[in-house]
């Protein structure tokens, strides 16, 4: 019996690994033609049809490769598991406090026909999560002709190095849901590559950068009595500051949300000073601004603390003090590939090119009218697009208008792909502290050389470098030709001053970014009021403008909303059923009304 069991185990392993291996070999991670491009050539991925004499050899080769790739997949899944082991997020790290505020008038039922507005990360994740919960009639409505929203990836060089214009980094102890989905869907292309520590320049003419950690510690060394003590004294003092910050953060965010809002009724810089974290101001200012989340003396402390959570703070000293193995990572095949993997696997049904002119909601249904006059009936809707943008088509009630009007206009985060004469400088990510001054908006903040992250050994083998630059403008402006030319001129001047030569601009993205409630809106409890309205008029509101502009926070907010489904099932004495196979778009379409006119969209 023992030998039979071993034989069956080996057979199962071969069967599973052959399937996984075949998928890995045949389906190489080619970028979508709608969302990606290659600037310096692309490998020919065409597969040659084998002759009869080659079949046996090919079969043996595929079995061998299947076993290898299956084991590789298992290893990757183990790595994903280890990233999340040993760290269980407390209530301070998740949205359990938001879940406690939820008392929905209506919770979607598994038989409901659901519309999700927006195919960005929030909308795609919500569709995937509902699919997991057993919902079979979920459609994502996207006005654009591409999915993924602010996840936008270009590919460069023959090695297809991904250049992220939008969503970029992951962080240990956060993004657990992102990794869970990758493991659950068998995404063999999901791989996190550690990012080298950021280097900091005092000014564009500065030729001697220091690491972000050294920069933080150097500010402590300048103070008495540390300037009289050995260097390690400053390092210990900074570590103590960081640990105090983590304890304070955990203590604060474990409180009820109204108490959190009351304790953060000030800008982020004022909060840091009030709580004795003056020495952390430089590095938190850098982290906040270069990511597009505002100047610390302008942004409400609540938002600054949502972003500068313990996971990010630990990363600042990861290299020096080895508190975590890697402060941040970047996806080997890009964020767009992540969303397209889910989309192309049949997990999500998307209607692209779907422009909404009107959404009418009642206690028993939602009616959506398109720009061309066609009407669609749904039982429930999830709005993940920007809340102020939703006012253009939504039949918003007075309470909803109050909540949405309390949002501050968005900022602009500008990401630009440019090439320049090759440099032997090994630095992968550089930032300039000049850009932290609110009086110097649109100045060059950061340059990222992704090729040096993925292939550091290739330095010196190319004639030109392709890099991504970041600029930030506090008040969003219309994306006109004149505005873009102004941004390019400022960027070119700063790049030349920083020593980049023979610069050529290839592509620029002006993102409307980081819409948030004003301090007055936060004090009125508008985020709480929005959560209290969730489920009313058969509507959920999700996405970046409901809380924070990051994939992690959008996913966590979605998990808070969908927790009501589990709660309702538990109260009804039912257990959440596991969905073994995904619902395909074809199956979903078959359940739609025969009166619906299908919208023709270009599929990948």
Protein backbone atom coordinates (compact mmCIF):
# COMPACT_ATOMS: atom_id res chain seq x y z
CA UNK A 1 0.00 0.00 0.00
CA UNK A 2 2.86 2.30 0.81
CA UNK A 3 4.39 1.80 -2.65
CA UNK A 4 1.01 2.34 -4.34
CA UNK A 5 0.64 5.62 -2.49
CA UNK A 6 4.12 6.74 -3.55
CA UNK A 7 3.44 5.75 -7.18
CA UNK A 8 0.14 7.66 -7.21
CA UNK A 9 1.83 10.71 -5.71
CA UNK A 10 4.51 10.68 -8.42
CA UNK A 11 1.84 10.27 -11.12
CA UNK A 12 -0.16 13.19 -9.75
CA UNK A 13 2.96 15.32 -9.57
CA UNK A 14 3.83 14.55 -13.20
CA UNK A 15 0.28 15.30 -14.34
CA UNK A 16 0.09 18.59 -12.51
CA UNK A 17 3.59 19.73 -13.36
CA UNK A 18 3.21 18.88 -17.04
CA UNK A 19 0.18 21.15 -17.25
CA UNK A 20 1.95 23.91 -15.36
CA UNK A 21 5.09 23.44 -17.39
CA UNK A 22 3.28 23.50 -20.71
CA UNK A 23 1.62 26.75 -19.73
CA UNK A 24 4.96 28.20 -18.75
CA UNK A 25 6.72 27.17 -21.95
CA UNK A 26 4.03 28.05 -24.48
CA UNK A 27 2.55 31.16 -22.88
CA UNK A 28 5.57 33.42 -22.59
CA UNK A 29 4.74 36.78 -20.98
CA UNK A 30 4.26 38.85 -24.11
CA UNK A 31 2.97 42.38 -23.48
CA UNK A 32 -0.52 43.31 -24.64
CA UNK A 33 -0.60 45.31 -27.85
CA UNK A 34 -3.10 47.69 -26.29
CA UNK A 35 -1.15 48.55 -23.19
CA UNK A 36 2.48 47.88 -23.93
CA UNK A 37 5.15 48.38 -26.52
CA UNK A 38 8.81 47.60 -27.06
CA UNK A 39 11.28 50.33 -27.91
CA UNK A 40 14.39 48.36 -28.78
CA UNK A 41 13.04 45.24 -30.42
CA UNK A 42 11.17 42.11 -29.42
CA UNK A 43 12.05 38.45 -29.46
CA UNK A 44 10.30 36.26 -32.01
CA UNK A 45 8.09 33.99 -29.88
CA UNK A 46 6.61 31.97 -32.75
CA UNK A 47 6.46 28.23 -32.10
CA UNK A 48 7.53 25.82 -34.86
CA UNK A 49 5.34 22.81 -35.58
CA UNK A 50 7.32 19.61 -34.86
CA UNK A 51 7.68 16.87 -37.49
CA UNK A 52 6.56 13.26 -36.82
CA UNK A 53 10.08 12.15 -35.96
CA UNK A 54 10.34 14.93 -33.46
CA UNK A 55 7.14 14.13 -31.57
CA UNK A 56 8.59 11.57 -29.15
CA UNK A 57 11.59 13.74 -28.36
CA UNK A 58 9.32 16.76 -27.98
CA UNK A 59 7.01 14.82 -25.65
CA UNK A 60 9.90 13.77 -23.43
CA UNK A 61 11.22 17.33 -23.52
CA UNK A 62 7.81 18.72 -22.48
CA UNK A 63 7.52 16.20 -19.64
CA UNK A 64 10.98 17.11 -18.38
CA UNK A 65 10.31 20.83 -18.74
CA UNK A 66 6.92 20.32 -17.15
CA UNK A 67 8.48 18.76 -14.06
CA UNK A 68 11.10 21.51 -13.91
CA UNK A 69 8.62 24.31 -14.31
CA UNK A 70 6.13 22.66 -11.99
CA UNK A 71 8.78 22.51 -9.29
CA UNK A 72 9.71 26.10 -10.10
CA UNK A 73 6.06 27.09 -9.67
CA UNK A 74 5.91 25.27 -6.35
CA UNK A 75 9.05 27.08 -5.23
CA UNK A 76 7.56 30.43 -6.23
CA UNK A 77 4.38 29.65 -4.33
CA UNK A 78 6.46 28.78 -1.28
CA UNK A 79 8.25 32.12 -1.61
CA UNK A 80 4.87 33.89 -1.75
CA UNK A 81 3.80 32.03 1.38
CA UNK A 82 6.99 32.88 3.26
CA UNK A 83 6.60 36.58 2.46
CA UNK A 84 3.42 36.58 4.50
CA UNK A 85 4.36 34.09 7.21
CA UNK A 86 5.32 35.37 10.62
CA UNK A 87 3.35 38.57 10.25
CA UNK A 88 -0.38 38.59 10.93
CA UNK A 89 -1.84 42.05 10.26
CA UNK A 90 -3.52 43.49 13.33
CA UNK A 91 -6.67 45.57 13.20
CA UNK A 92 -4.39 48.57 12.85
CA UNK A 93 -3.03 47.17 9.57
CA UNK A 94 -6.35 46.16 8.01
CA UNK A 95 -9.81 47.62 7.64
CA UNK A 96 -11.53 45.69 10.38
CA UNK A 97 -12.41 49.06 11.92
CA UNK A 98 -14.17 49.98 8.66
CA UNK A 99 -16.00 46.65 8.67
CA UNK A 100 -17.43 47.55 12.08
CA UNK A 101 -19.01 50.66 10.54
CA UNK A 102 -20.82 48.68 7.87
CA UNK A 103 -24.55 48.20 8.36
CA UNK A 104 -25.74 47.93 4.76
CA UNK A 105 -29.36 48.39 3.72
CA UNK A 106 -28.73 45.74 1.09
CA UNK A 107 -26.03 43.12 0.63
CA UNK A 108 -25.60 41.63 -2.85
CA UNK A 109 -26.96 38.12 -3.34
CA UNK A 110 -25.16 35.42 -5.29
CA UNK A 111 -27.86 35.45 -7.98
CA UNK A 112 -27.68 39.23 -8.46
CA UNK A 113 -26.61 40.75 -11.73
CA UNK A 114 -23.82 43.16 -10.75
CA UNK A 115 -22.20 46.05 -12.66
CA UNK A 116 -18.77 47.31 -11.63
CA UNK A 117 -17.92 50.74 -13.01
CA UNK A 118 -14.21 51.01 -13.83
CA UNK A 119 -11.65 48.38 -14.88
CA UNK A 120 -8.79 49.74 -12.82
CA UNK A 121 -7.18 47.69 -10.03
CA UNK A 122 -10.10 48.32 -7.64
CA UNK A 123 -12.74 47.22 -10.16
CA UNK A 124 -10.81 44.20 -11.41
CA UNK A 125 -10.08 43.03 -7.88
CA UNK A 126 -13.71 43.45 -6.84
CA UNK A 127 -14.83 41.38 -9.83
CA UNK A 128 -12.31 38.66 -8.99
CA UNK A 129 -13.32 38.60 -5.32
CA UNK A 130 -17.04 38.34 -6.16
CA UNK A 131 -16.19 35.54 -8.58
CA UNK A 132 -14.45 33.69 -5.73
CA UNK A 133 -17.52 34.18 -3.56
CA UNK A 134 -19.67 32.43 -6.14
CA UNK A 135 -21.22 35.37 -8.01
CA UNK A 136 -21.84 34.38 -11.62
CA UNK A 137 -23.28 37.52 -13.19
CA UNK A 138 -20.62 40.20 -12.69
CA UNK A 139 -19.66 42.62 -15.49
CA UNK A 140 -16.99 45.33 -15.36
CA UNK A 141 -17.89 48.42 -17.39
CA UNK A 142 -14.90 50.40 -18.69
CA UNK A 143 -15.17 53.56 -20.80
CA UNK A 144 -11.60 53.19 -22.09
CA UNK A 145 -10.33 50.59 -24.57
CA UNK A 146 -7.83 49.14 -22.10
CA UNK A 147 -7.97 47.68 -18.62
CA UNK A 148 -5.79 48.28 -15.55
CA UNK A 149 -6.37 52.02 -15.01
CA UNK A 150 -3.31 53.60 -13.41
CA UNK A 151 -1.36 50.38 -13.88
CA UNK A 152 0.46 51.06 -17.15
CA UNK A 153 3.55 49.21 -18.32
CA UNK A 154 5.88 49.70 -21.29
CA UNK A 155 8.56 47.16 -22.22
CA UNK A 156 12.09 48.07 -23.32
CA UNK A 157 15.10 46.22 -24.72
CA UNK A 158 14.97 42.75 -26.17
CA UNK A 159 14.83 41.35 -22.65
CA UNK A 160 11.48 43.09 -22.25
CA UNK A 161 12.32 45.09 -19.14
CA UNK A 162 9.05 46.49 -17.77
CA UNK A 163 8.89 50.22 -17.20
CA UNK A 164 6.09 51.18 -14.83
CA UNK A 165 4.40 54.52 -15.51
CA UNK A 166 1.85 54.02 -12.73
CA UNK A 167 1.50 51.26 -10.13
CA UNK A 168 5.04 50.20 -9.36
CA UNK A 169 6.16 48.74 -6.03
CA UNK A 170 5.12 46.07 -3.55
CA UNK A 171 6.18 45.99 0.10
CA UNK A 172 6.70 43.05 2.49
CA UNK A 173 3.88 42.53 5.03
CA UNK A 174 1.50 44.43 2.77
CA UNK A 175 0.00 43.43 -0.58
CA UNK A 176 -0.94 40.04 0.89
CA UNK A 177 -4.07 39.93 -1.25
CA UNK A 178 -2.04 40.58 -4.39
CA UNK A 179 0.19 37.59 -3.60
CA UNK A 180 -2.73 35.41 -2.55
CA UNK A 181 -4.44 35.88 -5.91
CA UNK A 182 -1.20 35.18 -7.77
CA UNK A 183 -0.86 31.88 -5.92
CA UNK A 184 -4.56 31.03 -6.27
CA UNK A 185 -4.54 31.53 -10.05
CA UNK A 186 -1.23 29.75 -10.61
CA UNK A 187 0.39 32.88 -12.03
CA UNK A 188 3.87 31.51 -12.74
CA UNK A 189 4.96 34.90 -14.07
CA UNK A 190 4.38 36.63 -10.73
CA UNK A 191 7.79 37.40 -9.27
CA UNK A 192 8.90 40.22 -7.00
CA UNK A 193 12.39 41.59 -7.65
CA UNK A 194 14.01 43.45 -4.70
CA UNK A 195 14.64 47.11 -5.42
CA UNK A 196 18.04 48.58 -4.46
CA UNK A 197 18.03 51.33 -1.91
CA UNK A 198 17.22 54.79 -3.21
CA UNK A 199 20.08 57.30 -3.52
CA UNK A 200 19.56 60.93 -2.59
CA UNK A 201 21.06 64.10 -4.09
CA UNK A 202 20.96 67.44 -2.30
CA UNK A 203 20.63 69.34 -5.60
CA UNK A 204 20.68 68.72 -9.36
CA UNK A 205 24.32 69.78 -9.51
CA UNK A 206 25.27 67.41 -6.66
CA UNK A 207 27.58 64.64 -7.89
CA UNK A 208 27.94 62.70 -4.63
CA UNK A 209 24.71 60.94 -3.65
CA UNK A 210 24.19 59.02 -0.42
CA UNK A 211 21.71 56.26 0.30
CA UNK A 212 18.37 57.11 1.81
CA UNK A 213 19.39 55.40 5.06
CA UNK A 214 22.66 57.33 5.23
CA UNK A 215 20.73 60.54 4.56
CA UNK A 216 18.39 59.85 7.45
CA UNK A 217 21.19 58.95 9.84
CA UNK A 218 23.31 61.95 8.77
CA UNK A 219 20.58 64.34 9.93
CA UNK A 220 20.76 62.75 13.37
CA UNK A 221 24.57 62.99 13.43
CA UNK A 222 24.39 66.77 13.01
CA UNK A 223 22.59 67.17 16.33
CA UNK A 224 24.06 67.41 19.80
CA UNK A 225 25.21 65.19 21.43
CA UNK A 226 25.40 62.74 18.49
CA UNK A 227 27.98 64.81 16.62
CA UNK A 228 30.32 64.05 19.53
CA UNK A 229 29.54 60.31 19.61
CA UNK A 230 30.54 57.38 17.36
CA UNK A 231 28.46 56.78 14.24
CA UNK A 232 26.70 53.73 15.65
CA UNK A 233 25.09 55.94 18.31
CA UNK A 234 23.22 57.83 15.60
CA UNK A 235 22.14 54.56 13.98
CA UNK A 236 20.77 53.26 17.28
CA UNK A 237 18.99 56.55 17.95
CA UNK A 238 17.30 56.46 14.52
CA UNK A 239 16.26 52.84 15.11
CA UNK A 240 14.70 53.89 18.42
CA UNK A 241 12.85 56.72 16.67
CA UNK A 242 11.53 54.28 14.11
CA UNK A 243 10.36 51.77 16.72
CA UNK A 244 8.63 54.55 18.67
CA UNK A 245 6.89 55.61 15.45
CA UNK A 246 5.70 52.06 14.81
CA UNK A 247 4.30 51.72 18.34
CA UNK A 248 2.59 55.09 18.10
CA UNK A 249 1.16 54.24 14.70
CA UNK A 250 -0.18 50.86 15.85
CA UNK A 251 -1.65 52.40 18.99
CA UNK A 252 -3.35 55.19 17.03
CA UNK A 253 -4.82 53.03 14.25
CA UNK A 254 -6.18 50.47 16.71
CA UNK A 255 -8.63 53.10 17.96
CA UNK A 256 -12.12 53.77 16.53
CA UNK A 257 -12.00 55.77 13.31
CA UNK A 258 -13.54 58.89 14.88
CA UNK A 259 -10.78 58.94 17.50
CA UNK A 260 -8.16 58.54 14.75
CA UNK A 261 -9.60 61.50 12.85
CA UNK A 262 -9.68 63.60 16.01
CA UNK A 263 -6.04 62.79 16.86
CA UNK A 264 -4.85 63.68 13.34
CA UNK A 265 -6.59 67.04 12.92
CA UNK A 266 -3.45 68.65 11.48
CA UNK A 267 -1.00 68.29 8.62
CA UNK A 268 1.50 65.44 8.60
CA UNK A 269 4.52 67.60 9.49
CA UNK A 270 2.71 69.12 12.48
CA UNK A 271 1.75 65.62 13.69
CA UNK A 272 5.35 64.41 13.45
CA UNK A 273 6.61 67.40 15.44
CA UNK A 274 3.83 67.13 18.03
CA UNK A 275 4.65 63.46 18.67
CA UNK A 276 8.44 63.91 18.80
CA UNK A 277 9.38 62.49 15.40
CA UNK A 278 11.24 65.55 14.11
CA UNK A 279 14.22 63.47 12.99
CA UNK A 280 12.02 61.33 10.71
CA UNK A 281 10.71 64.37 8.83
CA UNK A 282 13.32 64.30 6.00
CA UNK A 283 12.81 60.70 4.97
CA UNK A 284 9.00 60.73 5.43
CA UNK A 285 8.85 63.93 3.41
CA UNK A 286 10.81 62.24 0.62
CA UNK A 287 8.68 59.07 0.69
CA UNK A 288 5.44 61.04 0.68
CA UNK A 289 6.25 63.54 -2.07
CA UNK A 290 8.11 61.42 -4.61
CA UNK A 291 5.23 58.90 -4.59
CA UNK A 292 2.79 61.69 -5.46
CA UNK A 293 1.09 61.84 -2.05
CA UNK A 294 1.67 65.51 -1.34
CA UNK A 295 3.95 67.79 0.66
CA UNK A 296 3.94 66.84 4.34
CA UNK A 297 3.05 70.34 5.51
CA UNK A 298 0.04 70.40 3.15
CA UNK A 299 -1.40 66.88 3.28
CA UNK A 300 -3.65 65.86 6.22
CA UNK A 301 -1.82 63.70 8.77
CA UNK A 302 -4.41 60.94 8.36
CA UNK A 303 -3.41 60.39 4.73
CA UNK A 304 0.29 60.67 5.50
CA UNK A 305 -0.03 57.98 8.17
CA UNK A 306 -2.08 55.69 5.93
CA UNK A 307 0.85 55.69 3.54
CA UNK A 308 3.79 55.90 5.97
CA UNK A 309 2.68 52.81 7.86
CA UNK A 310 5.06 50.56 9.83
CA UNK A 311 5.77 48.41 6.75
CA UNK A 312 7.14 51.44 4.86
CA UNK A 313 9.01 52.87 7.85
CA UNK A 314 10.81 49.59 8.44
CA UNK A 315 12.01 49.66 4.85
CA UNK A 316 13.93 52.89 5.41
CA UNK A 317 16.48 51.11 7.58
CA UNK A 318 16.24 47.66 6.05
CA UNK A 319 19.72 47.74 4.54
CA UNK A 320 21.55 49.24 7.50
CA UNK A 321 19.81 47.45 10.35
CA UNK A 322 18.54 44.36 8.46
CA UNK A 323 15.08 44.65 10.00
CA UNK A 324 13.44 43.19 6.87
CA UNK A 325 15.00 41.35 3.95
CA UNK A 326 13.89 43.83 1.30
CA UNK A 327 12.30 47.27 1.69
CA UNK A 328 10.37 47.14 -1.62
CA UNK A 329 10.06 45.11 -4.79
CA UNK A 330 8.96 45.54 -8.39
CA UNK A 331 7.10 42.92 -10.44
CA UNK A 332 9.33 41.09 -12.89
CA UNK A 333 6.74 41.18 -15.70
CA UNK A 334 4.97 44.39 -14.75
CA UNK A 335 1.68 45.20 -13.06
CA UNK A 336 -0.29 45.21 -16.32
CA UNK A 337 0.67 41.57 -16.87
CA UNK A 338 -0.78 40.79 -13.43
CA UNK A 339 -4.20 42.19 -14.30
CA UNK A 340 -4.16 40.75 -17.82
CA UNK A 341 -3.37 37.31 -16.41
CA UNK A 342 -6.62 37.40 -14.42
CA UNK A 343 -8.54 38.94 -17.32
CA UNK A 344 -7.35 36.44 -19.93
CA UNK A 345 -7.91 33.46 -17.62
CA UNK A 346 -11.66 34.08 -17.88
CA UNK A 347 -12.00 35.23 -14.29
CA UNK A 348 -13.39 38.63 -15.21
CA UNK A 349 -15.96 39.78 -17.77
CA UNK A 350 -15.18 43.29 -19.07
CA UNK A 351 -17.10 45.50 -21.47
CA UNK A 352 -14.63 48.05 -22.81
CA UNK A 353 -15.64 51.24 -24.57
CA UNK A 354 -18.73 51.45 -22.33
CA UNK A 355 -19.56 55.13 -21.71
CA UNK A 356 -22.26 55.80 -19.13
CA UNK A 357 -24.50 58.83 -19.52
CA UNK A 358 -26.91 58.10 -16.67
CA UNK A 359 -27.24 55.77 -13.69
CA UNK A 360 -30.63 55.57 -11.97
CA UNK A 361 -30.89 53.67 -8.70
CA UNK A 362 -33.80 52.55 -6.58
CA UNK A 363 -34.39 50.11 -3.72
CA UNK A 364 -34.82 47.20 -6.10
CA UNK A 365 -32.66 47.81 -9.20
CA UNK A 366 -30.04 49.89 -11.03
CA UNK A 367 -30.61 51.14 -14.58
CA UNK A 368 -27.60 52.24 -16.61
CA UNK A 369 -27.96 54.25 -19.81
CA UNK A 370 -25.06 54.50 -22.26
CA UNK A 371 -24.05 57.47 -24.38
CA UNK A 372 -25.74 55.87 -27.40
CA UNK A 373 -29.06 55.52 -25.53
CA UNK A 374 -29.07 51.80 -24.69
CA UNK A 375 -30.33 50.77 -21.25
CA UNK A 376 -29.08 47.93 -19.05
CA UNK A 377 -30.71 46.56 -15.91
CA UNK A 378 -28.69 45.38 -12.92
CA UNK A 379 -29.50 44.31 -9.37
CA UNK A 380 -26.45 45.97 -7.81
CA UNK A 381 -23.58 48.27 -8.79
CA UNK A 382 -20.07 48.96 -7.52
CA UNK A 383 -18.62 52.36 -8.46
CA UNK A 384 -14.83 52.28 -8.44
CA UNK A 385 -14.13 55.30 -10.65
CA UNK A 386 -13.30 58.67 -9.08
CA UNK A 387 -16.22 59.81 -6.92
CA UNK A 388 -16.32 63.35 -8.31
CA UNK A 389 -16.25 61.95 -11.85
CA UNK A 390 -19.19 59.73 -10.93
CA UNK A 391 -21.32 62.83 -10.31
CA UNK A 392 -21.41 63.33 -14.08
CA UNK A 393 -23.73 60.34 -14.50
CA UNK A 394 -24.89 59.33 -11.02
CA UNK A 395 -28.30 60.24 -9.56
CA UNK A 396 -26.52 61.32 -6.40
CA UNK A 397 -28.64 62.03 -3.33
CA UNK A 398 -27.93 65.15 -1.19
CA UNK A 399 -25.96 63.10 1.35
CA UNK A 400 -23.79 61.64 -1.41
CA UNK A 401 -23.19 65.05 -2.98
CA UNK A 402 -22.02 66.37 0.40
CA UNK A 403 -19.55 63.49 0.68
CA UNK A 404 -18.24 63.80 -2.88
CA UNK A 405 -18.03 67.60 -2.80
CA UNK A 406 -15.82 67.33 0.28
CA UNK A 407 -13.08 65.77 -1.85
CA UNK A 408 -10.14 67.96 -2.76
CA UNK A 409 -9.28 68.27 -6.45
CA UNK A 410 -6.65 65.85 -7.61
CA UNK A 411 -2.93 66.46 -7.95
CA UNK A 412 -0.90 65.62 -11.05
CA UNK A 413 1.76 62.93 -10.99
CA UNK A 414 3.78 63.05 -14.19
CA UNK A 415 5.79 60.02 -15.31
CA UNK A 416 7.97 60.27 -18.41
CA UNK A 417 9.92 57.64 -20.33
CA UNK A 418 13.12 59.13 -21.74
CA UNK A 419 16.39 57.85 -23.12
CA UNK A 420 19.85 59.31 -22.78
CA UNK A 421 23.49 58.54 -23.43
CA UNK A 422 24.51 55.47 -21.43
CA UNK A 423 25.93 56.13 -17.99
CA UNK A 424 28.13 53.78 -15.97
CA UNK A 425 26.52 55.04 -12.76
CA UNK A 426 25.23 51.87 -11.01
CA UNK A 427 22.45 53.70 -9.11
CA UNK A 428 18.99 52.32 -9.99
CA UNK A 429 16.79 54.93 -8.24
CA UNK A 430 17.81 58.54 -7.62
CA UNK A 431 15.85 61.34 -5.90
CA UNK A 432 16.53 65.06 -5.48
CA UNK A 433 15.55 66.84 -2.26
CA UNK A 434 15.15 70.11 -4.19
CA UNK A 435 11.75 68.81 -5.32
CA UNK A 436 10.47 68.63 -1.72
CA UNK A 437 9.94 72.39 -1.65
CA UNK A 438 6.28 73.27 -2.44
CA UNK A 439 7.56 76.38 -4.20
CA UNK A 440 9.36 74.20 -6.76
CA UNK A 441 6.51 72.16 -8.16
CA UNK A 442 6.94 70.17 -11.37
CA UNK A 443 10.67 69.87 -10.74
CA UNK A 444 12.42 66.54 -11.27
CA UNK A 445 11.79 64.35 -8.20
CA UNK A 446 13.04 60.88 -9.10
CA UNK A 447 14.62 58.86 -11.91
CA UNK A 448 14.29 55.08 -12.03
CA UNK A 449 16.47 52.85 -14.22
CA UNK A 450 14.50 49.58 -14.25
CA UNK A 451 17.13 47.78 -16.34
CA UNK A 452 19.60 48.17 -13.46
CA UNK A 453 17.06 46.58 -11.13
CA UNK A 454 16.39 43.54 -13.31
CA UNK A 455 19.75 43.11 -15.06
CA UNK A 456 22.48 44.89 -13.08
CA UNK A 457 25.11 42.75 -14.83
CA UNK A 458 24.19 44.36 -18.17
CA UNK A 459 25.51 47.78 -17.18
CA UNK A 460 27.90 48.93 -19.89
CA UNK A 461 26.49 46.78 -22.71
CA UNK A 462 24.11 49.38 -24.17
CA UNK A 463 24.63 52.66 -25.98
CA UNK A 464 21.58 54.31 -24.43
CA UNK A 465 19.66 54.06 -21.18
CA UNK A 466 15.86 54.16 -20.94
CA UNK A 467 14.57 55.62 -17.69
CA UNK A 468 11.38 56.83 -15.99
CA UNK A 469 11.23 60.27 -14.36
CA UNK A 470 8.71 61.62 -11.82
CA UNK A 471 7.33 65.14 -11.37
CA UNK A 472 4.57 66.34 -9.05
CA UNK A 473 2.11 69.25 -9.29
CA UNK A 474 -0.07 69.90 -6.25
CA UNK A 475 -3.12 71.19 -8.13
CA UNK A 476 -4.36 69.21 -11.09
CA UNK A 477 -4.39 71.05 -14.41
CA UNK A 478 -6.04 70.17 -17.74
CA UNK A 479 -3.85 67.89 -19.81
CA UNK A 480 -3.32 70.34 -22.67
CA UNK A 481 -0.48 70.42 -25.20
CA UNK A 482 0.77 73.65 -23.68
CA UNK A 483 0.85 72.12 -20.18
CA UNK A 484 2.75 69.04 -21.38
CA UNK A 485 5.28 71.20 -23.20
CA UNK A 486 5.80 73.22 -20.01
CA UNK A 487 6.37 70.02 -18.02
CA UNK A 488 8.82 68.70 -20.62
CA UNK A 489 10.82 71.94 -20.64
CA UNK A 490 11.17 71.89 -16.84
CA UNK A 491 12.13 68.23 -16.92
CA UNK A 492 14.77 68.67 -19.62
CA UNK A 493 16.41 71.55 -17.75
CA UNK A 494 16.64 69.54 -14.53
CA UNK A 495 17.87 66.39 -16.29
CA UNK A 496 20.64 68.34 -18.03
CA UNK A 497 21.64 70.01 -14.76
CA UNK A 498 21.80 66.54 -13.16
CA UNK A 499 24.27 65.37 -15.82
CA UNK A 500 22.07 63.37 -18.22
CA UNK A 501 23.22 63.81 -21.83
CA UNK A 502 21.62 63.50 -25.28
CA UNK A 503 18.11 63.29 -23.84
CA UNK A 504 15.11 62.18 -25.90
CA UNK A 505 11.53 62.14 -24.55
CA UNK A 506 9.52 59.08 -25.66
CA UNK A 507 6.27 59.05 -23.70
CA UNK A 508 4.65 61.07 -20.94
CA UNK A 509 1.72 60.29 -18.64
CA UNK A 510 -0.02 63.08 -16.73
CA UNK A 511 -1.98 61.21 -14.10
CA UNK A 512 -4.90 62.86 -12.26
CA UNK A 513 -3.81 61.59 -8.88
CA UNK A 514 -4.52 61.33 -5.17
CA UNK A 515 -7.95 62.87 -4.75
CA UNK A 516 -8.66 63.03 -1.04
CA UNK A 517 -10.90 64.69 1.51
CA UNK A 518 -9.79 68.05 2.86
CA UNK A 519 -9.02 68.33 6.56
CA UNK A 520 -12.43 69.96 6.99
CA UNK A 521 -14.05 67.02 5.21
CA UNK A 522 -12.20 64.56 7.43
CA UNK A 523 -13.28 66.45 10.56
CA UNK A 524 -16.89 66.16 9.35
CA UNK A 525 -16.40 62.42 9.21
CA UNK A 526 -17.09 62.14 5.48
CA UNK A 527 -15.19 58.81 5.11
CA UNK A 528 -17.35 57.44 7.95
CA UNK A 529 -20.54 58.77 6.36
CA UNK A 530 -19.60 57.12 3.08
CA UNK A 531 -19.02 53.77 4.79
CA UNK A 532 -22.38 54.12 6.54
CA UNK A 533 -24.06 54.56 3.14
CA UNK A 534 -22.48 51.49 1.59
CA UNK A 535 -25.19 49.19 0.25
CA UNK A 536 -27.83 51.92 0.13
CA UNK A 537 -29.67 52.18 -3.22
CA UNK A 538 -27.97 48.89 -4.11
CA UNK A 539 -24.58 50.61 -4.45
CA UNK A 540 -21.07 50.17 -3.14
CA UNK A 541 -18.49 52.92 -3.55
CA UNK A 542 -14.89 51.70 -3.80
CA UNK A 543 -11.61 52.72 -5.46
CA UNK A 544 -8.79 55.12 -4.67
CA UNK A 545 -10.89 58.21 -3.89
CA UNK A 546 -12.73 56.39 -1.08
CA UNK A 547 -9.55 56.02 0.94
CA UNK A 548 -6.07 56.07 -0.57
CA UNK A 549 -4.31 55.90 -3.96
CA UNK A 550 -2.60 52.51 -3.70
CA UNK A 551 -3.43 49.01 -4.94
CA UNK A 552 -3.00 47.61 -1.44
CA UNK A 553 -5.51 50.03 0.09
CA UNK A 554 -8.02 49.55 -2.74
CA UNK A 555 -7.88 45.78 -2.21
CA UNK A 556 -8.24 46.08 1.56
CA UNK A 557 -11.26 48.38 1.16
CA UNK A 558 -12.83 45.83 -1.20
CA UNK A 559 -12.25 43.09 1.37
CA UNK A 560 -14.03 45.21 3.97
CA UNK A 561 -17.05 45.60 1.68
CA UNK A 562 -17.20 41.93 0.67
CA UNK A 563 -16.93 40.90 4.33
CA UNK A 564 -20.63 41.80 4.61
CA UNK A 565 -21.40 38.89 2.26
CA UNK A 566 -19.63 36.42 4.54
CA UNK A 567 -21.34 37.97 7.55
CA UNK A 568 -24.78 37.65 5.99
CA UNK A 569 -24.16 34.04 5.00
CA UNK A 570 -23.00 33.24 8.51
CA UNK A 571 -26.06 34.88 10.04
CA UNK A 572 -28.30 32.90 7.70
CA UNK A 573 -26.61 29.69 8.77
CA UNK A 574 -25.01 29.16 5.39
CA UNK A 575 -21.38 28.51 4.66
CA UNK A 576 -19.51 30.29 1.91
CA UNK A 577 -19.16 27.80 -0.90
CA UNK A 578 -15.83 27.46 -2.61
CA UNK A 579 -15.77 28.11 -6.33
CA UNK A 580 -13.51 25.56 -7.95
CA UNK A 581 -13.73 26.92 -11.47
CA UNK A 582 -13.98 30.48 -12.64
CA UNK A 583 -17.06 31.77 -14.42
CA UNK A 584 -16.13 32.61 -17.98
CA UNK A 585 -17.28 35.75 -19.79
CA UNK A 586 -19.24 33.51 -22.15
CA UNK A 587 -21.21 31.98 -19.27
CA UNK A 588 -21.85 35.41 -17.82
CA UNK A 589 -23.02 36.82 -21.14
CA UNK A 590 -25.46 33.93 -21.52
CA UNK A 591 -27.30 35.03 -18.39
CA UNK A 592 -27.82 38.59 -19.59
CA UNK A 593 -31.11 39.79 -21.00
CA UNK A 594 -31.65 38.93 -24.64
CA UNK A 595 -32.70 42.54 -25.14
CA UNK A 596 -29.21 43.81 -24.34
CA UNK A 597 -27.28 44.90 -27.38
CA UNK A 598 -23.75 43.59 -27.21
CA UNK A 599 -21.07 46.23 -27.29
CA UNK A 600 -18.32 45.43 -29.73
CA UNK A 601 -14.92 45.84 -28.16
CA UNK A 602 -11.45 44.93 -29.24
CA UNK A 603 -10.34 41.90 -27.24
CA UNK A 604 -6.76 41.05 -26.50
